[in-house]
């Protein structure tokens, strides 16, 4: 039996980018990142480091 969900995700489609701003740490230093994620499949398309975030 074939799982229909997996087949649906494998079909070709155009990625529709959704931009999200997230906080992350690199070696203990907080950074603000801008991530572009496909709205349909959830694949991460691009990650950009915006700036060093203020420590809380």
PDB file of N, CA and C in Angstrom:
ATOM      1  N   UNK A   1       0.836  -1.181   0.000  1.00  0.00           N
ATOM      2  CA  UNK A   1       0.000   0.000   0.000  1.00  0.00           C
ATOM      3  C   UNK A   1       0.884   1.248   0.000  1.00  0.00           C
ATOM      4  N   UNK A   2       0.500   2.245  -0.761  1.00  0.00           N
ATOM      5  CA  UNK A   2       1.282   3.472  -0.894  1.00  0.00           C
ATOM      6  C   UNK A   2       0.624   4.575  -0.070  1.00  0.00           C
ATOM      7  N   UNK A   3       1.445   5.299   0.666  1.00  0.00           N
ATOM      8  CA  UNK A   3       0.946   6.397   1.485  1.00  0.00           C
ATOM      9  C   UNK A   3       0.679   7.611   0.595  1.00  0.00           C
ATOM     10  N   UNK A   4      -0.569   8.042   0.508  1.00  0.00           N
ATOM     11  CA  UNK A   4      -0.966   9.162  -0.360  1.00  0.00           C
ATOM     12  C   UNK A   4      -0.307  10.469   0.059  1.00  0.00           C
ATOM     13  N   UNK A   5      -0.031  10.661   1.336  1.00  0.00           N
ATOM     14  CA  UNK A   5       0.581  11.889   1.816  1.00  0.00           C
ATOM     15  C   UNK A   5       1.978  12.068   1.241  1.00  0.00           C
ATOM     16  N   UNK A   6       2.756  11.000   1.211  1.00  0.00           N
ATOM     17  CA  UNK A   6       4.115  11.083   0.683  1.00  0.00           C
ATOM     18  C   UNK A   6       4.109  11.379  -0.806  1.00  0.00           C
ATOM     19  N   UNK A   7       3.185  10.815  -1.532  1.00  0.00           N
ATOM     20  CA  UNK A   7       3.092  11.069  -2.969  1.00  0.00           C
ATOM     21  C   UNK A   7       2.755  12.532  -3.212  1.00  0.00           C
ATOM     22  N   UNK A   8       1.846  13.073  -2.428  1.00  0.00           N
ATOM     23  CA  UNK A   8       1.452  14.474  -2.580  1.00  0.00           C
ATOM     24  C   UNK A   8       2.652  15.402  -2.393  1.00  0.00           C
ATOM     25  N   UNK A   9       3.507  15.127  -1.422  1.00  0.00           N
ATOM     26  CA  UNK A   9       4.653  15.986  -1.160  1.00  0.00           C
ATOM     27  C   UNK A   9       5.718  15.870  -2.246  1.00  0.00           C
ATOM     28  N   UNK A  10       5.753  14.759  -2.966  1.00  0.00           N
ATOM     29  CA  UNK A  10       6.764  14.561  -4.001  1.00  0.00           C
ATOM     30  C   UNK A  10       6.388  15.210  -5.325  1.00  0.00           C
ATOM     31  N   UNK A  11       5.127  15.552  -5.510  1.00  0.00           N
ATOM     32  CA  UNK A  11       4.708  16.167  -6.761  1.00  0.00           C
ATOM     33  C   UNK A  11       5.424  17.492  -6.958  1.00  0.00           C
ATOM     34  N   UNK A  12       5.684  17.811  -8.217  1.00  0.00           N
ATOM     35  CA  UNK A  12       6.352  19.065  -8.523  1.00  0.00           C
ATOM     36  C   UNK A  12       5.396  20.225  -8.285  1.00  0.00           C
ATOM     37  N   UNK A  13       5.926  21.296  -7.756  1.00  0.00           N
ATOM     38  CA  UNK A  13       5.131  22.492  -7.542  1.00  0.00           C
ATOM     39  C   UNK A  13       6.059  23.691  -7.533  1.00  0.00           C
ATOM     40  N   UNK A  14       5.486  24.857  -7.653  1.00  0.00           N
ATOM     41  CA  UNK A  14       6.270  26.081  -7.521  1.00  0.00           C
ATOM     42  C   UNK A  14       6.306  26.441  -6.044  1.00  0.00           C
ATOM     43  N   UNK A  15       7.508  26.729  -5.557  1.00  0.00           N
ATOM     44  CA  UNK A  15       7.639  27.111  -4.157  1.00  0.00           C
ATOM     45  C   UNK A  15       7.044  28.502  -3.958  1.00  0.00           C
ATOM     46  N   UNK A  16       6.205  28.624  -2.943  1.00  0.00           N
ATOM     47  CA  UNK A  16       5.645  29.924  -2.555  1.00  0.00           C
ATOM     48  C   UNK A  16       6.312  30.323  -1.249  1.00  0.00           C
ATOM     49  N   UNK A  17       7.187  31.300  -1.330  1.00  0.00           N
ATOM     50  CA  UNK A  17       7.997  31.690  -0.174  1.00  0.00           C
ATOM     51  C   UNK A  17       7.200  32.497   0.837  1.00  0.00           C
ATOM     52  N   UNK A  18       7.382  32.131   2.101  1.00  0.00           N
ATOM     53  CA  UNK A  18       6.849  32.872   3.233  1.00  0.00           C
ATOM     54  C   UNK A  18       8.058  33.241   4.079  1.00  0.00           C
ATOM     55  N   UNK A  19       8.204  34.521   4.397  1.00  0.00           N
ATOM     56  CA  UNK A  19       9.364  34.988   5.147  1.00  0.00           C
ATOM     57  C   UNK A  19       9.030  35.051   6.628  1.00  0.00           C
ATOM     58  N   UNK A  20       9.924  34.492   7.433  1.00  0.00           N
ATOM     59  CA  UNK A  20       9.751  34.496   8.881  1.00  0.00           C
ATOM     60  C   UNK A  20      11.019  35.021   9.532  1.00  0.00           C
ATOM     61  N   UNK A  21      10.846  35.766  10.607  1.00  0.00           N
ATOM     62  CA  UNK A  21      11.973  36.270  11.388  1.00  0.00           C
ATOM     63  C   UNK A  21      12.085  35.433  12.650  1.00  0.00           C
ATOM     64  N   UNK A  22      13.270  34.903  12.883  1.00  0.00           N
ATOM     65  CA  UNK A  22      13.501  34.038  14.041  1.00  0.00           C
ATOM     66  C   UNK A  22      14.781  34.450  14.752  1.00  0.00           C
ATOM     67  N   UNK A  23      14.892  34.078  16.029  1.00  0.00           N
ATOM     68  CA  UNK A  23      16.108  34.290  16.792  1.00  0.00           C
ATOM     69  C   UNK A  23      16.837  32.964  16.915  1.00  0.00           C
ATOM     70  N   UNK A  24      18.150  33.008  16.758  1.00  0.00           N
ATOM     71  CA  UNK A  24      18.965  31.807  16.840  1.00  0.00           C
ATOM     72  C   UNK A  24      20.273  32.148  17.529  1.00  0.00           C
ATOM     73  N   UNK A  25      21.001  31.134  17.932  1.00  0.00           N
ATOM     74  CA  UNK A  25      22.299  31.352  18.561  1.00  0.00           C
ATOM     75  C   UNK A  25      23.397  30.635  17.802  1.00  0.00           C
ATOM     76  N   UNK A  26      24.541  31.304  17.663  1.00  0.00           N
ATOM     77  CA  UNK A  26      25.746  30.718  17.086  1.00  0.00           C
ATOM     78  C   UNK A  26      26.852  30.927  18.105  1.00  0.00           C
ATOM     79  N   UNK A  27      27.365  29.841  18.655  1.00  0.00           N
ATOM     80  CA  UNK A  27      28.408  29.893  19.684  1.00  0.00           C
ATOM     81  C   UNK A  27      27.995  30.760  20.868  1.00  0.00           C
ATOM     82  N   UNK A  28      26.737  30.692  21.252  1.00  0.00           N
ATOM     83  CA  UNK A  28      26.247  31.429  22.404  1.00  0.00           C
ATOM     84  C   UNK A  28      25.885  32.879  22.128  1.00  0.00           C
ATOM     85  N   UNK A  29      26.062  33.346  20.891  1.00  0.00           N
ATOM     86  CA  UNK A  29      25.750  34.727  20.538  1.00  0.00           C
ATOM     87  C   UNK A  29      24.407  34.754  19.803  1.00  0.00           C
ATOM     88  N   UNK A  30      23.446  35.542  20.298  1.00  0.00           N
ATOM     89  CA  UNK A  30      22.129  35.580  19.655  1.00  0.00           C
ATOM     90  C   UNK A  30      22.137  36.376  18.349  1.00  0.00           C
ATOM     91  N   UNK A  31      21.475  35.846  17.330  1.00  0.00           N
ATOM     92  CA  UNK A  31      21.357  36.502  16.031  1.00  0.00           C
ATOM     93  C   UNK A  31      19.908  36.475  15.581  1.00  0.00           C
ATOM     94  N   UNK A  32      19.517  37.503  14.830  1.00  0.00           N
ATOM     95  CA  UNK A  32      18.201  37.528  14.206  1.00  0.00           C
ATOM     96  C   UNK A  32      18.358  37.023  12.781  1.00  0.00           C
ATOM     97  N   UNK A  33      17.536  36.033  12.403  1.00  0.00           N
ATOM     98  CA  UNK A  33      17.601  35.444  11.073  1.00  0.00           C
ATOM     99  C   UNK A  33      16.309  35.698  10.322  1.00  0.00           C
ATOM    100  N   UNK A  34      16.423  35.773   9.005  1.00  0.00           N
ATOM    101  CA  UNK A  34      15.263  35.858   8.136  1.00  0.00           C
ATOM    102  C   UNK A  34      15.229  34.568   7.329  1.00  0.00           C
ATOM    103  N   UNK A  35      14.178  33.769   7.516  1.00  0.00           N
ATOM    104  CA  UNK A  35      14.065  32.484   6.831  1.00  0.00           C
ATOM    105  C   UNK A  35      12.933  32.536   5.828  1.00  0.00           C
ATOM    106  N   UNK A  36      13.216  32.073   4.611  1.00  0.00           N
ATOM    107  CA  UNK A  36      12.180  31.915   3.596  1.00  0.00           C
ATOM    108  C   UNK A  36      11.848  30.437   3.518  1.00  0.00           C
ATOM    109  N   UNK A  37      10.570  30.119   3.742  1.00  0.00           N
ATOM    110  CA  UNK A  37      10.089  28.738   3.776  1.00  0.00           C
ATOM    111  C   UNK A  37       8.951  28.607   2.781  1.00  0.00           C
ATOM    112  N   UNK A  38       8.892  27.481   2.064  1.00  0.00           N
ATOM    113  CA  UNK A  38       7.809  27.233   1.119  1.00  0.00           C
ATOM    114  C   UNK A  38       6.513  27.006   1.886  1.00  0.00           C
ATOM    115  N   UNK A  39       5.467  27.705   1.470  1.00  0.00           N
ATOM    116  CA  UNK A  39       4.168  27.603   2.124  1.00  0.00           C
ATOM    117  C   UNK A  39       3.551  26.217   1.937  1.00  0.00           C
ATOM    118  N   UNK A  40       3.820  25.580   0.805  1.00  0.00           N
ATOM    119  CA  UNK A  40       3.205  24.298   0.484  1.00  0.00           C
ATOM    120  C   UNK A  40       3.914  23.113   1.131  1.00  0.00           C
ATOM    121  N   UNK A  41       5.225  23.014   0.935  1.00  0.00           N
ATOM    122  CA  UNK A  41       5.935  21.815   1.396  1.00  0.00           C
ATOM    123  C   UNK A  41       6.766  22.043   2.662  1.00  0.00           C
ATOM    124  N   UNK A  42       6.969  23.297   3.068  1.00  0.00           N
ATOM    125  CA  UNK A  42       7.725  23.571   4.280  1.00  0.00           C
ATOM    126  C   UNK A  42       9.226  23.543   4.104  1.00  0.00           C
ATOM    127  N   UNK A  43       9.698  23.419   2.871  1.00  0.00           N
ATOM    128  CA  UNK A  43      11.138  23.373   2.611  1.00  0.00           C
ATOM    129  C   UNK A  43      11.763  24.752   2.832  1.00  0.00           C
ATOM    130  N   UNK A  44      12.911  24.760   3.495  1.00  0.00           N
ATOM    131  CA  UNK A  44      13.616  26.008   3.740  1.00  0.00           C
ATOM    132  C   UNK A  44      14.322  26.422   2.459  1.00  0.00           C
ATOM    133  N   UNK A  45      13.985  27.610   1.946  1.00  0.00           N
ATOM    134  CA  UNK A  45      14.518  28.068   0.673  1.00  0.00           C
ATOM    135  C   UNK A  45      15.742  28.955   0.837  1.00  0.00           C
ATOM    136  N   UNK A  46      15.734  29.799   1.865  1.00  0.00           N
ATOM    137  CA  UNK A  46      16.842  30.736   2.056  1.00  0.00           C
ATOM    138  C   UNK A  46      16.920  31.141   3.519  1.00  0.00           C
ATOM    139  N   UNK A  47      18.152  31.355   4.019  1.00  0.00           N
ATOM    140  CA  UNK A  47      18.366  31.852   5.366  1.00  0.00           C
ATOM    141  C   UNK A  47      19.354  32.993   5.283  1.00  0.00           C
ATOM    142  N   UNK A  48      18.981  34.134   5.866  1.00  0.00           N
ATOM    143  CA  UNK A  48      19.861  35.300   5.889  1.00  0.00           C
ATOM    144  C   UNK A  48      20.043  35.756   7.327  1.00  0.00           C
ATOM    145  N   UNK A  49      21.274  36.063   7.697  1.00  0.00           N
ATOM    146  CA  UNK A  49      21.551  36.640   9.013  1.00  0.00           C
ATOM    147  C   UNK A  49      21.349  38.134   8.881  1.00  0.00           C
ATOM    148  N   UNK A  50      20.433  38.684   9.688  1.00  0.00           N
ATOM    149  CA  UNK A  50      20.148  40.105   9.627  1.00  0.00           C
ATOM    150  C   UNK A  50      21.082  40.911  10.505  1.00  0.00           C
ATOM    151  N   UNK A  51      21.139  40.557  11.786  1.00  0.00           N
ATOM    152  CA  UNK A  51      22.002  41.289  12.705  1.00  0.00           C
ATOM    153  C   UNK A  51      22.150  40.525  14.012  1.00  0.00           C
ATOM    154  N   UNK A  52      23.072  40.973  14.784  1.00  0.00           N
ATOM    155  CA  UNK A  52      23.262  40.396  16.115  1.00  0.00           C
ATOM    156  C   UNK A  52      22.158  40.942  17.014  1.00  0.00           C
ATOM    157  N   UNK A  53      21.459  40.064  17.693  1.00  0.00           N
ATOM    158  CA  UNK A  53      20.342  40.458  18.546  1.00  0.00           C
ATOM    159  C   UNK A  53      20.850  40.883  19.916  1.00  0.00           C
ATOM    160  N   UNK A  54      20.059  41.701  20.571  1.00  0.00           N
ATOM    161  CA  UNK A  54      20.407  42.142  21.908  1.00  0.00           C
ATOM    162  C   UNK A  54      20.237  40.985  22.893  1.00  0.00           C
ATOM    163  N   UNK A  55      21.165  40.866  23.818  1.00  0.00           N
ATOM    164  CA  UNK A  55      21.088  39.801  24.814  1.00  0.00           C
ATOM    165  C   UNK A  55      20.010  40.151  25.830  1.00  0.00           C
ATOM    166  N   UNK A  56      19.263  39.141  26.222  1.00  0.00           N
ATOM    167  CA  UNK A  56      18.161  39.400  27.181  1.00  0.00           C
ATOM    168  C   UNK A  56      18.635  39.275  28.596  1.00  0.00           C
TER     169      UNK A  56
END
